[in-house]
Amino acid sequence: MNSLDKFDCAILAALQADATLSISGLSEKVGLSSTPCWKRVKRLEEEGFIESRVSIVNREKVGLPVTVFVSVKTPEHDEKWLARFAAAVIALPEVLEFHRMSGDVDYLLKVVTTDIAGYDRFYKKLIKTARLTGVSSAFSMEQIKSTTALPLELISHGTPA
């Protein structure tokens, strides 16, 4: 369980929407004075609730319009193999997300690239990383929803549900 109260959740929600808020702007938004608000932000950072503050770059404007979901199957499932494979995949800059899955697929990657040729270059690097029994690619035709904001309204914050 978490140790978040309604003010913590309000702070997190506000920072998810705009990480550039000043402490005075944030404190006004959540209904706290500046010092208690600043102390809460520091505690949320120290306790790992806030992992980092970033700017979200428009991938199409910078020339990375293609998103591909890559399903990977492998005959290997030991920890040593996974450590090597994970290190190799993490080093591929095209990979935005890397998940170990349950079900028919062993791993799922979210990849961004410039175009089909860029994906082909990525694919050739990926298959050199380890022995794989299957790599299947699904190209995103249209991004309908994308958010980095967690649905904090789904969690209880210090009161019984």
C-alpha atoms as a PDB file:
ATOM      1  CA  MET A   1       0.000   0.000   0.000  1.00  0.00           C
ATOM      2  CA  ASN A   2       1.100   3.590  -0.412  1.00  0.00           C
ATOM      3  CA  SER A   3       1.377   6.394   2.102  1.00  0.00           C
ATOM      4  CA  LEU A   4      -0.200   9.138   0.004  1.00  0.00           C
ATOM      5  CA  ASP A   5      -2.819  11.522   1.335  1.00  0.00           C
ATOM      6  CA  LYS A   6      -5.075  13.815  -0.701  1.00  0.00           C
ATOM      7  CA  PHE A   7      -2.465  16.605  -0.786  1.00  0.00           C
ATOM      8  CA  ASP A   8       0.249  14.218  -2.025  1.00  0.00           C
ATOM      9  CA  CYS A   9      -2.084  12.977  -4.761  1.00  0.00           C
ATOM     10  CA  ALA A  10      -2.987  16.552  -5.713  1.00  0.00           C
ATOM     11  CA  ILE A  11       0.709  17.463  -5.928  1.00  0.00           C
ATOM     12  CA  LEU A  12       1.474  14.416  -8.074  1.00  0.00           C
ATOM     13  CA  ALA A  13      -1.503  15.080 -10.354  1.00  0.00           C
ATOM     14  CA  ALA A  14      -0.489  18.724 -10.815  1.00  0.00           C
ATOM     15  CA  LEU A  15       3.152  17.832 -11.545  1.00  0.00           C
ATOM     16  CA  GLN A  16       2.092  15.106 -14.001  1.00  0.00           C
ATOM     17  CA  ALA A  17       0.165  17.778 -15.903  1.00  0.00           C
ATOM     18  CA  ASP A  18       2.928  20.396 -15.694  1.00  0.00           C
ATOM     19  CA  ALA A  19       6.318  19.598 -14.172  1.00  0.00           C
ATOM     20  CA  THR A  20       7.446  23.210 -14.704  1.00  0.00           C
ATOM     21  CA  LEU A  21       5.124  24.585 -12.011  1.00  0.00           C
ATOM     22  CA  SER A  22       6.916  26.729  -9.458  1.00  0.00           C
ATOM     23  CA  ILE A  23       6.450  25.856  -5.798  1.00  0.00           C
ATOM     24  CA  SER A  24       4.245  28.936  -5.359  1.00  0.00           C
ATOM     25  CA  GLY A  25       2.115  27.944  -8.363  1.00  0.00           C
ATOM     26  CA  LEU A  26       1.930  24.344  -7.190  1.00  0.00           C
ATOM     27  CA  SER A  27       1.066  25.288  -3.608  1.00  0.00           C
ATOM     28  CA  GLU A  28      -1.723  27.572  -4.848  1.00  0.00           C
ATOM     29  CA  LYS A  29      -3.077  24.802  -7.081  1.00  0.00           C
ATOM     30  CA  VAL A  30      -3.182  22.187  -4.276  1.00  0.00           C
ATOM     31  CA  GLY A  31      -4.259  24.449  -1.404  1.00  0.00           C
ATOM     32  CA  LEU A  32      -1.108  24.438   0.729  1.00  0.00           C
ATOM     33  CA  SER A  33       1.313  27.170   1.681  1.00  0.00           C
ATOM     34  CA  SER A  34       4.712  27.122  -0.038  1.00  0.00           C
ATOM     35  CA  THR A  35       6.883  25.575   2.695  1.00  0.00           C
ATOM     36  CA  PRO A  36       4.671  22.529   3.418  1.00  0.00           C
ATOM     37  CA  CYS A  37       4.184  22.042  -0.326  1.00  0.00           C
ATOM     38  CA  TRP A  38       7.961  22.171  -0.951  1.00  0.00           C
ATOM     39  CA  LYS A  39       8.567  19.696   1.907  1.00  0.00           C
ATOM     40  CA  ARG A  40       6.005  17.301   0.424  1.00  0.00           C
ATOM     41  CA  VAL A  41       7.570  17.519  -3.038  1.00  0.00           C
ATOM     42  CA  LYS A  42      11.006  16.795  -1.551  1.00  0.00           C
ATOM     43  CA  ARG A  43       9.605  13.811   0.410  1.00  0.00           C
ATOM     44  CA  LEU A  44       7.827  12.479  -2.694  1.00  0.00           C
ATOM     45  CA  GLU A  45      11.133  12.700  -4.578  1.00  0.00           C
ATOM     46  CA  GLU A  46      13.162  11.101  -1.776  1.00  0.00           C
ATOM     47  CA  GLU A  47      10.655   8.254  -1.375  1.00  0.00           C
ATOM     48  CA  GLY A  48      10.670   7.566  -5.118  1.00  0.00           C
ATOM     49  CA  PHE A  49       7.092   8.612  -5.909  1.00  0.00           C
ATOM     50  CA  ILE A  50       8.566  11.227  -8.261  1.00  0.00           C
ATOM     51  CA  GLU A  51      11.214   9.475 -10.336  1.00  0.00           C
ATOM     52  CA  SER A  52      12.173  12.361 -12.613  1.00  0.00           C
ATOM     53  CA  ARG A  53      10.910  15.507 -14.301  1.00  0.00           C
ATOM     54  CA  VAL A  54      11.082  15.482 -18.069  1.00  0.00           C
ATOM     55  CA  SER A  55       9.915  17.270 -21.181  1.00  0.00           C
ATOM     56  CA  ILE A  56       7.916  15.229 -23.648  1.00  0.00           C
ATOM     57  CA  VAL A  57       9.328  15.708 -27.135  1.00  0.00           C
ATOM     58  CA  ASN A  58       7.059  15.461 -30.176  1.00  0.00           C
ATOM     59  CA  ARG A  59       8.464  12.399 -31.953  1.00  0.00           C
ATOM     60  CA  GLU A  60       6.996  13.337 -35.337  1.00  0.00           C
ATOM     61  CA  LYS A  61       8.496  16.837 -35.280  1.00  0.00           C
ATOM     62  CA  VAL A  62      11.952  15.431 -34.536  1.00  0.00           C
ATOM     63  CA  GLY A  63      11.696  12.844 -37.320  1.00  0.00           C
ATOM     64  CA  LEU A  64      10.686   9.654 -35.460  1.00  0.00           C
ATOM     65  CA  PRO A  65       7.111   9.156 -36.702  1.00  0.00           C
ATOM     66  CA  VAL A  66       7.057   5.342 -36.832  1.00  0.00           C
ATOM     67  CA  THR A  67       6.040   3.330 -33.750  1.00  0.00           C
ATOM     68  CA  VAL A  68       6.402  -0.447 -33.802  1.00  0.00           C
ATOM     69  CA  PHE A  69       5.364  -2.984 -31.182  1.00  0.00           C
ATOM     70  CA  VAL A  70       7.778  -5.901 -31.394  1.00  0.00           C
ATOM     71  CA  SER A  71       6.888  -9.289 -29.892  1.00  0.00           C
ATOM     72  CA  VAL A  72       9.841 -11.536 -29.143  1.00  0.00           C
ATOM     73  CA  LYS A  73       9.874 -15.278 -28.445  1.00  0.00           C
ATOM     74  CA  THR A  74      12.913 -17.147 -27.194  1.00  0.00           C
ATOM     75  CA  PRO A  75      13.767 -20.686 -26.165  1.00  0.00           C
ATOM     76  CA  GLU A  76      15.955 -19.334 -23.339  1.00  0.00           C
ATOM     77  CA  HIS A  77      14.507 -18.456 -19.932  1.00  0.00           C
ATOM     78  CA  ASP A  78      17.371 -18.505 -17.442  1.00  0.00           C
ATOM     79  CA  GLU A  79      18.531 -15.464 -15.466  1.00  0.00           C
ATOM     80  CA  LYS A  80      21.976 -15.290 -17.056  1.00  0.00           C
ATOM     81  CA  TRP A  81      20.488 -15.222 -20.566  1.00  0.00           C
ATOM     82  CA  LEU A  82      17.920 -12.604 -19.534  1.00  0.00           C
ATOM     83  CA  ALA A  83      20.625 -10.369 -18.054  1.00  0.00           C
ATOM     84  CA  ARG A  84      22.602 -10.447 -21.325  1.00  0.00           C
ATOM     85  CA  PHE A  85      19.503  -9.968 -23.496  1.00  0.00           C
ATOM     86  CA  ALA A  86      18.161  -7.156 -21.307  1.00  0.00           C
ATOM     87  CA  ALA A  87      21.500  -5.317 -21.393  1.00  0.00           C
ATOM     88  CA  ALA A  88      21.615  -5.597 -25.194  1.00  0.00           C
ATOM     89  CA  VAL A  89      18.016  -4.413 -25.676  1.00  0.00           C
ATOM     90  CA  ILE A  90      18.365  -1.562 -23.178  1.00  0.00           C
ATOM     91  CA  ALA A  91      21.374  -0.345 -25.188  1.00  0.00           C
ATOM     92  CA  LEU A  92      19.258  -0.020 -28.363  1.00  0.00           C
ATOM     93  CA  PRO A  93      18.179   3.648 -28.447  1.00  0.00           C
ATOM     94  CA  GLU A  94      15.069   2.919 -30.536  1.00  0.00           C
ATOM     95  CA  VAL A  95      13.509   0.959 -27.651  1.00  0.00           C
ATOM     96  CA  LEU A  96      11.274   3.145 -25.489  1.00  0.00           C
ATOM     97  CA  GLU A  97       9.724   0.326 -23.471  1.00  0.00           C
ATOM     98  CA  PHE A  98      10.795  -3.257 -22.786  1.00  0.00           C
ATOM     99  CA  HIS A  99       8.479  -5.700 -20.996  1.00  0.00           C
ATOM    100  CA  ARG A 100       8.742  -9.354 -19.968  1.00  0.00           C
ATOM    101  CA  MET A 101       5.337 -10.842 -20.691  1.00  0.00           C
ATOM    102  CA  SER A 102       3.103 -13.713 -19.665  1.00  0.00           C
ATOM    103  CA  GLY A 103       1.333 -15.773 -22.310  1.00  0.00           C
ATOM    104  CA  ASP A 104       2.481 -16.657 -25.824  1.00  0.00           C
ATOM    105  CA  VAL A 105       4.995 -13.815 -26.177  1.00  0.00           C
ATOM    106  CA  ASP A 106       8.103 -13.648 -23.989  1.00  0.00           C
ATOM    107  CA  TYR A 107       9.007  -9.968 -24.449  1.00  0.00           C
ATOM    108  CA  LEU A 108       7.301  -6.897 -25.886  1.00  0.00           C
ATOM    109  CA  LEU A 109       9.201  -3.839 -27.094  1.00  0.00           C
ATOM    110  CA  LYS A 110       7.871  -0.427 -28.006  1.00  0.00           C
ATOM    111  CA  VAL A 111      10.173   0.977 -30.670  1.00  0.00           C
ATOM    112  CA  VAL A 112      10.295   4.331 -32.451  1.00  0.00           C
ATOM    113  CA  THR A 113      12.158   4.948 -35.663  1.00  0.00           C
ATOM    114  CA  THR A 114      12.368   7.117 -38.758  1.00  0.00           C
ATOM    115  CA  ASP A 115      10.745   4.844 -41.353  1.00  0.00           C
ATOM    116  CA  ILE A 116      10.527   1.231 -42.558  1.00  0.00           C
ATOM    117  CA  ALA A 117      14.212   1.218 -43.475  1.00  0.00           C
ATOM    118  CA  GLY A 118      15.033   2.499 -39.992  1.00  0.00           C
ATOM    119  CA  TYR A 119      13.016  -0.331 -38.497  1.00  0.00           C
ATOM    120  CA  ASP A 120      14.832  -2.840 -40.699  1.00  0.00           C
ATOM    121  CA  ARG A 121      18.171  -1.548 -39.351  1.00  0.00           C
ATOM    122  CA  PHE A 122      16.826  -1.905 -35.805  1.00  0.00           C
ATOM    123  CA  TYR A 123      15.541  -5.433 -36.529  1.00  0.00           C
ATOM    124  CA  LYS A 124      18.962  -6.534 -37.789  1.00  0.00           C
ATOM    125  CA  LYS A 125      20.571  -5.216 -34.577  1.00  0.00           C
ATOM    126  CA  LEU A 126      17.930  -6.914 -32.425  1.00  0.00           C
ATOM    127  CA  ILE A 127      18.341 -10.372 -33.930  1.00  0.00           C
ATOM    128  CA  LYS A 128      22.096 -10.196 -33.314  1.00  0.00           C
ATOM    129  CA  THR A 129      21.568  -9.699 -29.562  1.00  0.00           C
ATOM    130  CA  ALA A 130      20.518 -13.274 -28.713  1.00  0.00           C
ATOM    131  CA  ARG A 131      19.053 -16.509 -29.997  1.00  0.00           C
ATOM    132  CA  LEU A 132      15.384 -15.766 -30.687  1.00  0.00           C
ATOM    133  CA  THR A 133      12.731 -18.149 -32.018  1.00  0.00           C
ATOM    134  CA  GLY A 134      10.354 -15.450 -33.201  1.00  0.00           C
ATOM    135  CA  VAL A 135      10.160 -11.727 -33.789  1.00  0.00           C
ATOM    136  CA  SER A 136       6.827 -10.266 -34.844  1.00  0.00           C
ATOM    137  CA  SER A 137       6.276  -6.584 -35.598  1.00  0.00           C
ATOM    138  CA  ALA A 138       3.040  -4.594 -35.478  1.00  0.00           C
ATOM    139  CA  PHE A 139       3.235  -1.078 -36.899  1.00  0.00           C
ATOM    140  CA  SER A 140       1.039   1.530 -35.256  1.00  0.00           C
ATOM    141  CA  MET A 141      -1.188   3.113 -37.871  1.00  0.00           C
ATOM    142  CA  GLU A 142      -2.497   5.849 -35.569  1.00  0.00           C
ATOM    143  CA  GLN A 143      -1.860   6.814 -31.955  1.00  0.00           C
ATOM    144  CA  ILE A 144      -5.287   7.345 -30.442  1.00  0.00           C
ATOM    145  CA  LYS A 145      -4.275   7.921 -26.821  1.00  0.00           C
ATOM    146  CA  SER A 146      -0.920   8.538 -25.220  1.00  0.00           C
ATOM    147  CA  THR A 147      -0.358   9.787 -21.717  1.00  0.00           C
ATOM    148  CA  THR A 148       2.308   9.589 -19.076  1.00  0.00           C
ATOM    149  CA  ALA A 149      -0.106  10.654 -16.315  1.00  0.00           C
ATOM    150  CA  LEU A 150      -1.051   7.874 -13.920  1.00  0.00           C
ATOM    151  CA  PRO A 151      -4.762   7.675 -12.932  1.00  0.00           C
ATOM    152  CA  LEU A 152      -4.228   8.730  -9.320  1.00  0.00           C
ATOM    153  CA  GLU A 153      -7.975   9.002  -8.774  1.00  0.00           C
ATOM    154  CA  LEU A 154      -8.045   5.179  -8.708  1.00  0.00           C
ATOM    155  CA  ILE A 155      -6.017   4.933  -5.503  1.00  0.00           C
ATOM    156  CA  SER A 156      -7.179   5.470  -1.954  1.00  0.00           C
ATOM    157  CA  HIS A 157      -5.335   8.314  -0.228  1.00  0.00           C
ATOM    158  CA  GLY A 158      -5.523   7.748   3.482  1.00  0.00           C
ATOM    159  CA  THR A 159      -9.256   7.067   3.665  1.00  0.00           C
ATOM    160  CA  PRO A 160     -11.141   3.769   3.393  1.00  0.00           C
ATOM    161  CA  ALA A 161     -12.471   3.014  -0.091  1.00  0.00           C
END
